[in-house]
Protein backbone atom coordinates (compact mmCIF):
# COMPACT_ATOMS: atom_id res chain seq x y z
CA UNK A 1 -0.04 -0.22 -0.74
CA UNK A 2 2.71 2.14 0.27
CA UNK A 3 3.82 2.03 -3.23
CA UNK A 4 0.27 3.12 -4.23
CA UNK A 5 0.65 6.18 -1.13
CA UNK A 6 3.70 7.03 -2.94
CA UNK A 7 2.16 7.23 -6.55
CA UNK A 8 -0.78 9.04 -5.26
CA UNK A 9 1.48 11.59 -3.26
CA UNK A 10 3.23 12.16 -6.58
CA UNK A 11 0.31 12.60 -8.59
CA UNK A 12 -1.75 14.64 -6.02
CA UNK A 13 0.88 17.39 -6.20
CA UNK A 14 1.89 16.96 -9.76
CA UNK A 15 -2.18 17.93 -10.97
CA UNK A 16 -2.62 19.88 -7.88
CA UNK A 17 -5.52 17.95 -6.40
CA UNK A 18 -7.80 19.50 -4.51
CA UNK A 19 -8.83 15.85 -2.12
CA UNK A 20 -8.02 12.57 -1.79
CA UNK A 21 -8.54 9.91 0.49
CA UNK A 22 -7.69 6.14 0.43
CA UNK A 23 -10.09 3.66 2.53
CA UNK A 24 -10.59 -0.05 2.24
CA UNK A 25 -12.81 -1.12 0.43
CA UNK A 26 -14.87 -3.08 2.55
CA UNK A 27 -14.42 -0.53 5.06
CA UNK A 28 -15.68 2.05 2.69
CA UNK A 29 -18.92 0.14 1.97
CA UNK A 30 -20.02 -0.53 5.69
CA UNK A 31 -19.39 2.60 7.03
CA UNK A 32 -21.90 4.46 4.34
CA UNK A 33 -24.19 1.91 4.01
CA UNK A 34 -27.53 2.78 5.63
CA UNK A 35 -29.33 -0.54 4.36
CA UNK A 36 -30.43 -2.64 8.00
CA UNK A 37 -30.90 -5.65 5.63
CA UNK A 38 -28.05 -5.73 4.19
CA UNK A 39 -25.87 -5.57 7.77
CA UNK A 40 -28.12 -8.52 9.08
CA UNK A 41 -27.31 -10.79 5.75
CA UNK A 42 -24.01 -9.90 5.86
CA UNK A 43 -23.84 -10.79 9.46
CA UNK A 44 -22.47 -7.56 10.65
CA UNK A 45 -23.41 -6.60 14.42
CA UNK A 46 -26.04 -4.06 14.88
CA UNK A 47 -24.34 -3.29 18.10
CA UNK A 48 -23.29 0.15 18.18
CA UNK A 49 -25.57 1.21 15.21
CA UNK A 50 -28.29 4.02 15.49
CA UNK A 51 -31.06 4.13 13.15
CA UNK A 52 -33.20 7.12 12.01
CA UNK A 53 -36.15 7.36 9.97
CA UNK A 54 -36.24 6.96 6.68
CA UNK A 55 -36.85 10.46 4.12
CA UNK A 56 -38.21 8.21 1.40
CA UNK A 57 -39.90 5.36 3.01
CA UNK A 58 -42.98 6.04 5.33
CA UNK A 59 -42.63 3.91 8.98
CA UNK A 60 -39.10 2.55 7.54
CA UNK A 61 -35.84 3.24 9.72
CA UNK A 62 -32.38 2.95 8.50
CA UNK A 63 -28.73 3.30 9.65
CA UNK A 64 -28.19 7.02 10.56
CA UNK A 65 -24.48 6.85 9.09
CA UNK A 66 -23.25 9.50 10.57
CA UNK A 67 -23.25 7.98 13.80
CA UNK A 68 -19.89 5.97 12.33
CA UNK A 69 -16.40 7.61 12.23
CA UNK A 70 -15.58 6.53 8.59
CA UNK A 71 -19.28 8.11 6.94
CA UNK A 72 -18.88 10.42 3.65
CA UNK A 73 -19.75 13.71 2.39
CA UNK A 74 -19.79 14.89 -1.16
CA UNK A 75 -20.32 18.72 -2.47
CA UNK A 76 -22.21 18.77 -5.59
CA UNK A 77 -19.25 19.74 -7.45
CA UNK A 78 -17.83 16.36 -6.22
CA UNK A 79 -15.79 17.58 -2.83
CA UNK A 80 -15.19 14.59 -0.13
CA UNK A 81 -15.54 15.47 3.21
CA UNK A 82 -14.94 12.62 5.08
CA UNK A 83 -12.36 10.09 7.68
CA UNK A 84 -9.90 7.59 5.76
CA UNK A 85 -6.77 6.38 6.79
CA UNK A 86 -4.61 8.46 4.59
CA UNK A 87 -6.28 11.37 3.00
CA UNK A 88 -4.92 14.44 0.60
CA UNK A 89 -5.55 18.03 0.83
CA UNK A 90 -5.00 20.59 -1.87
CA UNK A 91 -4.52 24.07 -2.22
CA UNK A 92 -8.75 24.77 -3.40
CA UNK A 93 -9.73 22.15 -0.34
CA UNK A 94 -8.23 25.46 2.02
CA UNK A 95 -11.04 27.45 0.89
CA UNK A 96 -13.00 24.64 3.21
CA UNK A 97 -10.74 24.19 6.08
CA UNK A 98 -7.80 26.09 6.48
CA UNK A 99 -4.76 25.05 6.05
CA UNK A 100 -3.42 25.79 9.35
CA UNK A 101 -6.43 24.18 11.36
CA UNK A 102 -5.79 20.76 9.32
CA UNK A 103 -1.98 20.97 10.65
CA UNK A 104 -2.73 20.81 14.08
CA UNK A 105 -4.08 17.58 14.49
CA UNK A 106 -1.00 15.30 15.78
CA UNK A 107 -3.58 12.15 17.19
CA UNK A 108 -3.03 10.45 14.09
CA UNK A 109 0.16 8.04 12.23
CA UNK A 110 0.92 11.44 10.63
CA UNK A 111 0.39 15.17 8.78
CA UNK A 112 2.88 16.04 6.34
CA UNK A 113 2.88 18.96 4.79
CA UNK A 114 3.97 18.38 0.92
CA UNK A 115 6.75 20.19 -1.51
CA UNK A 116 4.00 21.68 -3.36
CA UNK A 117 2.00 22.99 0.14
CA UNK A 118 -0.25 20.63 0.04
CA UNK A 119 -1.29 17.57 2.93
CA UNK A 120 -0.89 14.41 3.46
CA UNK A 121 -2.36 12.81 6.66
CA UNK A 122 -2.20 9.19 7.74
CA UNK A 123 -4.86 8.54 10.30
CA UNK A 124 -3.07 4.73 11.40
CA UNK A 125 -0.49 2.81 10.39
CA UNK A 126 -2.32 -0.05 8.90
CA UNK A 127 -5.28 0.31 6.15
CA UNK A 128 -6.67 -3.30 7.35
CA UNK A 129 -6.91 -2.17 11.23
CA UNK A 130 -10.09 0.10 10.45
CA UNK A 131 -12.06 -1.82 12.91
CA UNK A 132 -9.37 -1.40 15.69
CA UNK A 133 -11.39 0.86 18.65
CA UNK A 134 -8.23 2.92 18.65
CA UNK A 135 -8.59 3.46 15.00
CA UNK A 136 -12.16 4.53 15.12
CA UNK A 137 -11.36 7.09 17.64
CA UNK A 138 -8.77 8.52 15.76
CA UNK A 139 -11.10 9.01 12.89
CA UNK A 140 -13.36 10.85 14.97
CA UNK A 141 -10.99 13.10 16.65
CA UNK A 142 -10.10 14.11 13.45
CA UNK A 143 -13.66 15.03 12.27
CA UNK A 144 -14.36 16.87 15.49
CA UNK A 145 -11.04 18.26 15.65
CA UNK A 146 -10.82 19.92 12.31
CA UNK A 147 -14.36 20.63 11.57
CA UNK A 148 -15.40 17.86 9.25
CA UNK A 149 -18.79 17.29 9.66
CA UNK A 150 -19.92 21.34 10.44
CA UNK A 151 -18.33 22.61 6.91
CA UNK A 152 -19.68 19.67 4.96
CA UNK A 153 -23.09 20.36 6.10
CA UNK A 154 -22.11 24.25 5.62
CA UNK A 155 -21.49 23.29 1.62
CA UNK A 156 -24.83 21.90 1.24
CA UNK A 157 -26.44 25.21 1.79
CA UNK A 158 -23.64 27.21 0.38
CA UNK A 159 -23.30 28.82 3.16
CA UNK A 160 -19.37 28.25 2.46
CA UNK A 161 -17.13 31.45 0.06
CA UNK A 162 -15.02 29.75 -2.13
CA UNK A 163 -12.18 31.54 -2.93
């Protein structure tokens, strides 16, 4: 995985990326699935999962993915907001969350300013260790400290000024 991360980091800098992330496909799926039946059919535990009413199905409940540390937000323009094993943030992303705020997050595995001024943050050492309680805690800390969810919710309603 380090080879992939290195290649992606080089490309991200070369093409002035806005935001990028790397996550286990399995983790990505289950952190963003609202279907209760899918969880049960896959023998996934619902012990620590919170439910909410489905906006589209009368008298139906779904999984509230905002209670899971690895869920995603996307703006209409496709800008990602979330918390993943490894993340890259470019200059254009800093209009959403300031570079200085991202650089102050020190509870993860690494936080590096790249040669072009972009940032690379790795939350935990091993991409496959996403379900370790400490790694989930680090994901939550990142979300809360840098304000990922507050900014993502505001972008839905176009409250963010773009540079």
